[in-house]
Amino acid sequence: MKIIPFAALYAFGVAALIDPNDIAPGGVTGIAILVNRISEISIGTLIFVFNIPILILSFRKFGRAFSFRTIYCLGWISVFTNWFELMEPVTKEPILGALAGGCISGFSLGMILHLGATTGGLDIIVKVLRKKYPHMGTGSLFLTIDFMIVLSSVFVFASLDSVLYAMVTVFVSARVLDFVLYGKQEARMLHIVSDRAEMLAGRLMQELGVGITYLEGQGGYTKKNKRVIFCVVRKFQAPKAEVIVRETDENAFLIISNASEIYGEGYRDYWSDSL
């Protein structure tokens, strides 16, 4: 039952914002919108029909439980899309439709994925690709595949503007999707070489609440053994970490680098992240 509100929200974004502005945002939904212009078959019906072969793949790759949740979600999306098509569009301004539609579709898709289902279509194909290429972000995969579909819309709408608006929708949707799934993962990775390593590590743990790992190092010139502090802090904590290092040991050697993909306690759970 938790899936139904997000299925309705996804359908609303498609039928009330994206479709009325001649935007084909990639994926099976984009294909359904393009075919709708040619055949006049309802978009919700086309979404379900085009997903049938993909659902067969889902049964083979992910089993019955996942596939039945997807069919359940997809059925509601199809029904809600056909229903919202009967209503007046929210806006006929393409840029507003592209931005709002992208935000709504990205958010609702992210929530559906969190609940262990998908909207069918590219969601399943992306899950298959993620199994083979786990280093690739979900939003990035959607972005790559969607752009190829978006470019084909120029032949149906005969308008470059529609293609450009669709690209805006795809980009916004992908960014919102990644944010919903992973949150703002930006962090800073610190390597600190100090003769006061234990004192420094104590302050970092106590004042910032971060975990510390000691690495064993040796000075190349002095041949002296040294403890190297390794830790990851949130982006907003980095300036405070610099102050702590400076106050504790002004002769410390400090390296700060960006960390965009972080797995472990307090960050992304690698083992449950199968998207």
C-alpha atoms as a PDB file:
ATOM      1  CA  MET A   1       0.000   0.000   0.000  1.00  0.00           C
ATOM      2  CA  LYS A   2       2.914   2.380   0.627  1.00  0.00           C
ATOM      3  CA  ILE A   3       3.752   2.267  -3.073  1.00  0.00           C
ATOM      4  CA  ILE A   4       0.373   3.604  -4.266  1.00  0.00           C
ATOM      5  CA  PRO A   5       0.866   7.315  -3.326  1.00  0.00           C
ATOM      6  CA  PHE A   6       4.239   7.428  -5.095  1.00  0.00           C
ATOM      7  CA  ALA A   7       2.835   5.587  -8.120  1.00  0.00           C
ATOM      8  CA  ALA A   8       0.096   8.229  -8.269  1.00  0.00           C
ATOM      9  CA  LEU A   9       2.650  11.020  -7.906  1.00  0.00           C
ATOM     10  CA  TYR A  10       4.793   9.585 -10.704  1.00  0.00           C
ATOM     11  CA  ALA A  11       1.738   9.293 -12.975  1.00  0.00           C
ATOM     12  CA  PHE A  12       0.712  12.856 -12.136  1.00  0.00           C
ATOM     13  CA  GLY A  13       4.108  14.184 -13.157  1.00  0.00           C
ATOM     14  CA  VAL A  14       3.873  12.368 -16.492  1.00  0.00           C
ATOM     15  CA  ALA A  15       0.234  13.068 -17.374  1.00  0.00           C
ATOM     16  CA  ALA A  16      -0.210  16.583 -15.948  1.00  0.00           C
ATOM     17  CA  LEU A  17       3.205  18.152 -16.508  1.00  0.00           C
ATOM     18  CA  ILE A  18       5.439  16.266 -18.944  1.00  0.00           C
ATOM     19  CA  ASP A  19       3.110  14.887 -21.635  1.00  0.00           C
ATOM     20  CA  PRO A  20       0.980  18.052 -22.159  1.00  0.00           C
ATOM     21  CA  ASN A  21       4.145  20.008 -22.995  1.00  0.00           C
ATOM     22  CA  ASP A  22       5.309  17.559 -25.702  1.00  0.00           C
ATOM     23  CA  ILE A  23       8.187  16.268 -23.619  1.00  0.00           C
ATOM     24  CA  ALA A  24       9.380  12.672 -24.026  1.00  0.00           C
ATOM     25  CA  PRO A  25      11.686  12.193 -21.018  1.00  0.00           C
ATOM     26  CA  GLY A  26      13.331   8.964 -22.077  1.00  0.00           C
ATOM     27  CA  GLY A  27      12.672   5.466 -20.827  1.00  0.00           C
ATOM     28  CA  VAL A  28       9.519   3.469 -21.487  1.00  0.00           C
ATOM     29  CA  THR A  29       7.457   6.492 -20.464  1.00  0.00           C
ATOM     30  CA  GLY A  30       9.126   8.593 -23.155  1.00  0.00           C
ATOM     31  CA  ILE A  31       8.597   5.882 -25.744  1.00  0.00           C
ATOM     32  CA  ALA A  32       4.938   5.602 -24.695  1.00  0.00           C
ATOM     33  CA  ILE A  33       4.448   9.362 -25.141  1.00  0.00           C
ATOM     34  CA  LEU A  34       5.995   9.242 -28.626  1.00  0.00           C
ATOM     35  CA  VAL A  35       3.893   6.250 -29.700  1.00  0.00           C
ATOM     36  CA  ASN A  36       0.790   7.936 -28.248  1.00  0.00           C
ATOM     37  CA  ARG A  37       1.251  10.810 -30.668  1.00  0.00           C
ATOM     38  CA  ILE A  38       1.289   8.374 -33.573  1.00  0.00           C
ATOM     39  CA  SER A  39      -1.345   5.846 -32.481  1.00  0.00           C
ATOM     40  CA  GLU A  40      -3.473   7.810 -29.969  1.00  0.00           C
ATOM     41  CA  ILE A  41      -3.448   4.782 -27.638  1.00  0.00           C
ATOM     42  CA  SER A  42      -3.493   5.983 -24.015  1.00  0.00           C
ATOM     43  CA  ILE A  43      -0.081   6.489 -22.443  1.00  0.00           C
ATOM     44  CA  GLY A  44      -0.831   4.401 -19.353  1.00  0.00           C
ATOM     45  CA  THR A  45      -1.836   1.429 -21.507  1.00  0.00           C
ATOM     46  CA  LEU A  46       1.293   1.741 -23.632  1.00  0.00           C
ATOM     47  CA  ILE A  47       3.508   1.926 -20.542  1.00  0.00           C
ATOM     48  CA  PHE A  48       2.119  -1.388 -19.316  1.00  0.00           C
ATOM     49  CA  VAL A  49       2.289  -3.137 -22.730  1.00  0.00           C
ATOM     50  CA  PHE A  50       5.880  -2.039 -23.419  1.00  0.00           C
ATOM     51  CA  ASN A  51       6.932  -3.339 -20.012  1.00  0.00           C
ATOM     52  CA  ILE A  52       5.761  -6.912 -20.576  1.00  0.00           C
ATOM     53  CA  PRO A  53       9.064  -8.203 -22.081  1.00  0.00           C
ATOM     54  CA  ILE A  54      11.039  -6.321 -19.430  1.00  0.00           C
ATOM     55  CA  LEU A  55       8.940  -7.913 -16.698  1.00  0.00           C
ATOM     56  CA  ILE A  56       9.822 -11.330 -18.116  1.00  0.00           C
ATOM     57  CA  LEU A  57      13.488 -10.363 -17.713  1.00  0.00           C
ATOM     58  CA  SER A  58      12.713  -9.254 -14.151  1.00  0.00           C
ATOM     59  CA  PHE A  59      11.297 -12.671 -13.254  1.00  0.00           C
ATOM     60  CA  ARG A  60      14.466 -14.324 -14.520  1.00  0.00           C
ATOM     61  CA  LYS A  61      16.939 -11.974 -12.858  1.00  0.00           C
ATOM     62  CA  PHE A  62      15.278 -10.900  -9.614  1.00  0.00           C
ATOM     63  CA  GLY A  63      12.665 -13.517  -8.779  1.00  0.00           C
ATOM     64  CA  ARG A  64       8.963 -13.469  -8.076  1.00  0.00           C
ATOM     65  CA  ALA A  65       8.778 -11.224  -4.999  1.00  0.00           C
ATOM     66  CA  PHE A  66      10.498  -8.269  -6.627  1.00  0.00           C
ATOM     67  CA  SER A  67       8.702  -8.799  -9.953  1.00  0.00           C
ATOM     68  CA  PHE A  68       5.261  -8.950  -8.346  1.00  0.00           C
ATOM     69  CA  ARG A  69       5.942  -5.699  -6.478  1.00  0.00           C
ATOM     70  CA  THR A  70       6.951  -4.132  -9.799  1.00  0.00           C
ATOM     71  CA  ILE A  71       3.817  -5.391 -11.563  1.00  0.00           C
ATOM     72  CA  TYR A  72       1.744  -4.043  -8.678  1.00  0.00           C
ATOM     73  CA  CYS A  73       3.416  -0.621  -8.924  1.00  0.00           C
ATOM     74  CA  LEU A  74       3.304  -0.585 -12.715  1.00  0.00           C
ATOM     75  CA  GLY A  75      -0.399  -1.440 -12.744  1.00  0.00           C
ATOM     76  CA  TRP A  76      -1.201   1.505 -10.501  1.00  0.00           C
ATOM     77  CA  ILE A  77       0.973   3.828 -12.571  1.00  0.00           C
ATOM     78  CA  SER A  78      -0.840   2.800 -15.739  1.00  0.00           C
ATOM     79  CA  VAL A  79      -4.267   3.331 -14.146  1.00  0.00           C
ATOM     80  CA  PHE A  80      -3.339   6.689 -12.594  1.00  0.00           C
ATOM     81  CA  THR A  81      -1.701   7.907 -15.822  1.00  0.00           C
ATOM     82  CA  ASN A  82      -4.829   7.168 -17.867  1.00  0.00           C
ATOM     83  CA  TRP A  83      -6.926   8.890 -15.199  1.00  0.00           C
ATOM     84  CA  PHE A  84      -4.755  12.026 -14.978  1.00  0.00           C
ATOM     85  CA  GLU A  85      -4.760  12.264 -18.786  1.00  0.00           C
ATOM     86  CA  LEU A  86      -8.471  13.101 -18.584  1.00  0.00           C
ATOM     87  CA  MET A  87      -7.750  16.167 -16.443  1.00  0.00           C
ATOM     88  CA  GLU A  88      -6.556  19.606 -17.461  1.00  0.00           C
ATOM     89  CA  PRO A  89      -2.745  19.964 -17.473  1.00  0.00           C
ATOM     90  CA  VAL A  90      -1.182  21.888 -14.631  1.00  0.00           C
ATOM     91  CA  THR A  91       0.805  24.122 -16.980  1.00  0.00           C
ATOM     92  CA  LYS A  92       1.377  24.626 -20.667  1.00  0.00           C
ATOM     93  CA  GLU A  93       4.708  26.349 -20.094  1.00  0.00           C
ATOM     94  CA  PRO A  94       7.293  23.796 -21.292  1.00  0.00           C
ATOM     95  CA  ILE A  95      10.095  24.928 -18.990  1.00  0.00           C
ATOM     96  CA  LEU A  96       7.826  24.674 -15.933  1.00  0.00           C
ATOM     97  CA  GLY A  97       6.606  21.279 -17.082  1.00  0.00           C
ATOM     98  CA  ALA A  98      10.188  20.118 -17.606  1.00  0.00           C
ATOM     99  CA  LEU A  99      11.452  21.297 -14.204  1.00  0.00           C
ATOM    100  CA  ALA A 100       8.439  20.314 -12.105  1.00  0.00           C
ATOM    101  CA  GLY A 101       7.919  17.058 -13.991  1.00  0.00           C
ATOM    102  CA  GLY A 102      11.581  16.138 -13.573  1.00  0.00           C
ATOM    103  CA  CYS A 103      11.510  16.837  -9.834  1.00  0.00           C
ATOM    104  CA  ILE A 104       8.304  14.864  -9.275  1.00  0.00           C
ATOM    105  CA  SER A 105       9.335  11.869 -11.373  1.00  0.00           C
ATOM    106  CA  GLY A 106      12.802  11.706  -9.795  1.00  0.00           C
ATOM    107  CA  PHE A 107      11.439  11.962  -6.260  1.00  0.00           C
ATOM    108  CA  SER A 108       8.629   9.440  -6.732  1.00  0.00           C
ATOM    109  CA  LEU A 109      10.909   6.982  -8.537  1.00  0.00           C
ATOM    110  CA  GLY A 110      13.474   7.236  -5.742  1.00  0.00           C
ATOM    111  CA  MET A 111      10.838   6.508  -3.108  1.00  0.00           C
ATOM    112  CA  ILE A 112       9.490   3.552  -5.101  1.00  0.00           C
ATOM    113  CA  LEU A 113      13.015   2.122  -5.349  1.00  0.00           C
ATOM    114  CA  HIS A 114      13.451   2.605  -1.597  1.00  0.00           C
ATOM    115  CA  LEU A 115      10.326   0.490  -1.072  1.00  0.00           C
ATOM    116  CA  GLY A 116      11.856  -2.392  -3.008  1.00  0.00           C
ATOM    117  CA  ALA A 117       9.934  -2.028  -6.269  1.00  0.00           C
ATOM    118  CA  THR A 118      10.414  -0.194  -9.550  1.00  0.00           C
ATOM    119  CA  THR A 119       8.236   1.498 -12.144  1.00  0.00           C
ATOM    120  CA  GLY A 120       9.325  -1.134 -14.651  1.00  0.00           C
ATOM    121  CA  GLY A 121      11.079  -0.210 -17.879  1.00  0.00           C
ATOM    122  CA  LEU A 122      14.546   1.245 -17.488  1.00  0.00           C
ATOM    123  CA  ASP A 123      14.432   0.719 -13.712  1.00  0.00           C
ATOM    124  CA  ILE A 124      14.841  -3.026 -14.257  1.00  0.00           C
ATOM    125  CA  ILE A 125      17.392  -2.615 -17.043  1.00  0.00           C
ATOM    126  CA  VAL A 126      19.400  -0.270 -14.804  1.00  0.00           C
ATOM    127  CA  LYS A 127      19.264  -2.799 -11.940  1.00  0.00           C
ATOM    128  CA  VAL A 128      20.675  -5.438 -14.310  1.00  0.00           C
ATOM    129  CA  LEU A 129      23.440  -3.061 -15.405  1.00  0.00           C
ATOM    130  CA  ARG A 130      24.189  -2.148 -11.771  1.00  0.00           C
ATOM    131  CA  LYS A 131      24.815  -5.807 -11.016  1.00  0.00           C
ATOM    132  CA  LYS A 132      27.412  -5.893 -13.777  1.00  0.00           C
ATOM    133  CA  TYR A 133      28.799  -2.363 -13.286  1.00  0.00           C
ATOM    134  CA  PRO A 134      28.249  -1.566  -9.559  1.00  0.00           C
ATOM    135  CA  HIS A 135      30.562   1.457  -9.699  1.00  0.00           C
ATOM    136  CA  MET A 136      28.093   3.361 -11.882  1.00  0.00           C
ATOM    137  CA  GLY A 137      25.482   5.524 -10.134  1.00  0.00           C
ATOM    138  CA  THR A 138      21.808   4.796 -10.726  1.00  0.00           C
ATOM    139  CA  GLY A 139      21.038   8.343 -11.829  1.00  0.00           C
ATOM    140  CA  SER A 140      23.987   8.375 -14.230  1.00  0.00           C
ATOM    141  CA  LEU A 141      22.811   5.175 -15.914  1.00  0.00           C
ATOM    142  CA  PHE A 142      19.309   6.573 -16.316  1.00  0.00           C
ATOM    143  CA  LEU A 143      20.799   9.767 -17.740  1.00  0.00           C
ATOM    144  CA  THR A 144      22.854   7.925 -20.374  1.00  0.00           C
ATOM    145  CA  ILE A 145      20.041   5.685 -21.616  1.00  0.00           C
ATOM    146  CA  ASP A 146      17.401   8.411 -21.456  1.00  0.00           C
ATOM    147  CA  PHE A 147      19.367  10.833 -23.615  1.00  0.00           C
ATOM    148  CA  MET A 148      19.486   8.310 -26.445  1.00  0.00           C
ATOM    149  CA  ILE A 149      15.687   8.005 -26.353  1.00  0.00           C
ATOM    150  CA  VAL A 150      15.186  11.757 -25.960  1.00  0.00           C
ATOM    151  CA  LEU A 151      17.112  12.497 -29.144  1.00  0.00           C
ATOM    152  CA  SER A 152      14.678  10.353 -31.150  1.00  0.00           C
ATOM    153  CA  SER A 153      11.753  12.595 -30.093  1.00  0.00           C
ATOM    154  CA  VAL A 154      12.813  15.235 -32.609  1.00  0.00           C
ATOM    155  CA  PHE A 155      11.396  13.024 -35.383  1.00  0.00           C
ATOM    156  CA  VAL A 156       7.954  12.849 -33.742  1.00  0.00           C
ATOM    157  CA  PHE A 157       7.540  16.382 -32.426  1.00  0.00           C
ATOM    158  CA  ALA A 158       9.571  17.931 -35.264  1.00  0.00           C
ATOM    159  CA  SER A 159      10.897  20.424 -32.742  1.00  0.00           C
ATOM    160  CA  LEU A 160      14.344  20.851 -31.306  1.00  0.00           C
ATOM    161  CA  ASP A 161      12.764  22.728 -28.391  1.00  0.00           C
ATOM    162  CA  SER A 162      10.988  19.553 -27.281  1.00  0.00           C
ATOM    163  CA  VAL A 163      14.295  17.704 -27.254  1.00  0.00           C
ATOM    164  CA  LEU A 164      15.949  20.416 -25.172  1.00  0.00           C
ATOM    165  CA  TYR A 165      13.089  20.503 -22.663  1.00  0.00           C
ATOM    166  CA  ALA A 166      13.217  16.714 -22.435  1.00  0.00           C
ATOM    167  CA  MET A 167      16.941  16.911 -21.662  1.00  0.00           C
ATOM    168  CA  VAL A 168      16.168  19.330 -18.828  1.00  0.00           C
ATOM    169  CA  THR A 169      13.577  16.894 -17.469  1.00  0.00           C
ATOM    170  CA  VAL A 170      15.972  13.948 -17.657  1.00  0.00           C
ATOM    171  CA  PHE A 171      18.810  15.859 -16.005  1.00  0.00           C
ATOM    172  CA  VAL A 172      16.652  17.185 -13.149  1.00  0.00           C
ATOM    173  CA  SER A 173      15.043  13.787 -12.608  1.00  0.00           C
ATOM    174  CA  ALA A 174      18.441  12.040 -12.442  1.00  0.00           C
ATOM    175  CA  ARG A 175      19.843  14.533  -9.942  1.00  0.00           C
ATOM    176  CA  VAL A 176      16.768  14.343  -7.712  1.00  0.00           C
ATOM    177  CA  LEU A 177      16.796  10.542  -7.953  1.00  0.00           C
ATOM    178  CA  ASP A 178      20.429  10.294  -6.819  1.00  0.00           C
ATOM    179  CA  PHE A 179      19.745  12.715  -3.962  1.00  0.00           C
ATOM    180  CA  VAL A 180      16.709  10.735  -2.762  1.00  0.00           C
ATOM    181  CA  LEU A 181      18.586   7.422  -2.963  1.00  0.00           C
ATOM    182  CA  TYR A 182      21.950   8.462  -1.569  1.00  0.00           C
ATOM    183  CA  GLY A 183      21.560  11.862   0.055  1.00  0.00           C
ATOM    184  CA  LYS A 184      24.266  14.467  -0.199  1.00  0.00           C
ATOM    185  CA  GLN A 185      27.339  12.245  -0.017  1.00  0.00           C
ATOM    186  CA  GLU A 186      29.964  14.978  -0.309  1.00  0.00           C
ATOM    187  CA  ALA A 187      32.661  14.543   2.303  1.00  0.00           C
ATOM    188  CA  ARG A 188      36.344  15.198   2.868  1.00  0.00           C
ATOM    189  CA  MET A 189      39.029  12.550   3.341  1.00  0.00           C
ATOM    190  CA  LEU A 190      41.880  13.449   5.712  1.00  0.00           C
ATOM    191  CA  HIS A 191      45.374  12.004   5.987  1.00  0.00           C
ATOM    192  CA  ILE A 192      47.333  13.491   8.874  1.00  0.00           C
ATOM    193  CA  VAL A 193      50.964  12.803   9.780  1.00  0.00           C
ATOM    194  CA  SER A 194      51.710  14.081  13.262  1.00  0.00           C
ATOM    195  CA  ASP A 195      53.983  13.404  16.234  1.00  0.00           C
ATOM    196  CA  ARG A 196      50.900  14.025  18.397  1.00  0.00           C
ATOM    197  CA  ALA A 197      48.709  11.516  16.620  1.00  0.00           C
ATOM    198  CA  GLU A 198      46.921  10.127  19.701  1.00  0.00           C
ATOM    199  CA  MET A 199      46.082  13.589  21.083  1.00  0.00           C
ATOM    200  CA  LEU A 200      44.930  14.737  17.654  1.00  0.00           C
ATOM    201  CA  ALA A 201      42.835  11.620  17.060  1.00  0.00           C
ATOM    202  CA  GLY A 202      41.192  12.044  20.464  1.00  0.00           C
ATOM    203  CA  ARG A 203      40.107  15.596  19.665  1.00  0.00           C
ATOM    204  CA  LEU A 204      38.769  14.628  16.239  1.00  0.00           C
ATOM    205  CA  MET A 205      36.714  11.785  17.709  1.00  0.00           C
ATOM    206  CA  GLN A 206      35.426  13.814  20.649  1.00  0.00           C
ATOM    207  CA  GLU A 207      34.713  17.147  18.942  1.00  0.00           C
ATOM    208  CA  LEU A 208      33.565  15.921  15.522  1.00  0.00           C
ATOM    209  CA  GLY A 209      32.231  12.484  16.388  1.00  0.00           C
ATOM    210  CA  VAL A 210      34.113  10.819  13.541  1.00  0.00           C
ATOM    211  CA  GLY A 211      35.851   7.456  13.356  1.00  0.00           C
ATOM    212  CA  ILE A 212      39.635   7.279  13.192  1.00  0.00           C
ATOM    213  CA  THR A 213      41.917   4.697  11.609  1.00  0.00           C
ATOM    214  CA  TYR A 214      45.667   4.570  12.261  1.00  0.00           C
ATOM    215  CA  LEU A 215      47.943   3.734   9.366  1.00  0.00           C
ATOM    216  CA  GLU A 216      51.545   2.766   9.974  1.00  0.00           C
ATOM    217  CA  GLY A 217      54.050   4.921   8.099  1.00  0.00           C
ATOM    218  CA  GLN A 218      57.769   5.585   8.001  1.00  0.00           C
ATOM    219  CA  GLY A 219      59.565   8.790   7.139  1.00  0.00           C
ATOM    220  CA  GLY A 220      61.510   8.384   3.918  1.00  0.00           C
ATOM    221  CA  TYR A 221      64.372  10.606   5.119  1.00  0.00           C
ATOM    222  CA  THR A 222      64.352  10.107   8.885  1.00  0.00           C
ATOM    223  CA  LYS A 223      63.368   6.398   8.757  1.00  0.00           C
ATOM    224  CA  LYS A 224      61.290   7.073  11.891  1.00  0.00           C
ATOM    225  CA  ASN A 225      58.027   5.164  12.326  1.00  0.00           C
ATOM    226  CA  LYS A 226      54.968   7.397  12.396  1.00  0.00           C
ATOM    227  CA  ARG A 227      51.258   6.951  12.912  1.00  0.00           C
ATOM    228  CA  VAL A 228      49.164   8.362  10.076  1.00  0.00           C
ATOM    229  CA  ILE A 229      45.625   9.348  10.964  1.00  0.00           C
ATOM    230  CA  PHE A 230      43.024   8.509   8.342  1.00  0.00           C
ATOM    231  CA  CYS A 231      39.414   9.700   8.629  1.00  0.00           C
ATOM    232  CA  VAL A 232      36.424  10.976   6.653  1.00  0.00           C
ATOM    233  CA  VAL A 233      34.418  14.020   7.737  1.00  0.00           C
ATOM    234  CA  ARG A 234      31.333  15.728   6.375  1.00  0.00           C
ATOM    235  CA  LYS A 235      32.018  18.671   4.096  1.00  0.00           C
ATOM    236  CA  PHE A 236      30.837  21.198   6.689  1.00  0.00           C
ATOM    237  CA  GLN A 237      33.143  19.621   9.315  1.00  0.00           C
ATOM    238  CA  ALA A 238      36.319  20.054   7.290  1.00  0.00           C
ATOM    239  CA  PRO A 239      37.110  23.642   8.409  1.00  0.00           C
ATOM    240  CA  LYS A 240      36.733  22.617  12.074  1.00  0.00           C
ATOM    241  CA  ALA A 241      39.016  19.617  11.465  1.00  0.00           C
ATOM    242  CA  GLU A 242      41.672  21.966  10.042  1.00  0.00           C
ATOM    243  CA  VAL A 243      41.440  24.149  13.162  1.00  0.00           C
ATOM    244  CA  ILE A 244      41.841  21.111  15.423  1.00  0.00           C
ATOM    245  CA  VAL A 245      44.941  19.978  13.529  1.00  0.00           C
ATOM    246  CA  ARG A 246      46.463  23.451  13.581  1.00  0.00           C
ATOM    247  CA  GLU A 247      45.806  23.929  17.317  1.00  0.00           C
ATOM    248  CA  THR A 248      47.070  20.474  18.304  1.00  0.00           C
ATOM    249  CA  ASP A 249      50.177  20.247  16.124  1.00  0.00           C
ATOM    250  CA  GLU A 250      51.166  23.174  13.956  1.00  0.00           C
ATOM    251  CA  ASN A 251      53.869  21.013  12.359  1.00  0.00           C
ATOM    252  CA  ALA A 252      51.426  18.288  11.287  1.00  0.00           C
ATOM    253  CA  PHE A 253      51.310  17.270   7.632  1.00  0.00           C
ATOM    254  CA  LEU A 254      47.672  17.421   6.491  1.00  0.00           C
ATOM    255  CA  ILE A 255      46.156  16.254   3.206  1.00  0.00           C
ATOM    256  CA  ILE A 256      42.453  16.929   2.456  1.00  0.00           C
ATOM    257  CA  SER A 257      40.789  15.434  -0.604  1.00  0.00           C
ATOM    258  CA  ASN A 258      37.222  15.030  -1.870  1.00  0.00           C
ATOM    259  CA  ALA A 259      35.315  11.816  -1.183  1.00  0.00           C
ATOM    260  CA  SER A 260      32.138  11.417  -3.229  1.00  0.00           C
ATOM    261  CA  GLU A 261      31.357   7.703  -2.798  1.00  0.00           C
ATOM    262  CA  ILE A 262      31.457   6.501   0.824  1.00  0.00           C
ATOM    263  CA  TYR A 263      30.264   3.148   2.142  1.00  0.00           C
ATOM    264  CA  GLY A 264      30.062   2.190   5.776  1.00  0.00           C
ATOM    265  CA  GLU A 265      28.597   3.299   9.087  1.00  0.00           C
ATOM    266  CA  GLY A 266      27.077   6.762   8.853  1.00  0.00           C
ATOM    267  CA  TYR A 267      27.189   6.753   5.055  1.00  0.00           C
ATOM    268  CA  ARG A 268      25.878   4.496   2.291  1.00  0.00           C
ATOM    269  CA  ASP A 269      25.205   0.849   3.105  1.00  0.00           C
ATOM    270  CA  TYR A 270      26.997  -1.088   0.385  1.00  0.00           C
ATOM    271  CA  TRP A 271      25.350  -4.416   1.143  1.00  0.00           C
ATOM    272  CA  SER A 272      21.761  -3.166   0.950  1.00  0.00           C
ATOM    273  CA  ASP A 273      22.391  -0.840  -1.978  1.00  0.00           C
ATOM    274  CA  SER A 274      21.475  -3.067  -4.894  1.00  0.00           C
ATOM    275  CA  LEU A 275      20.089  -0.290  -7.079  1.00  0.00           C
END
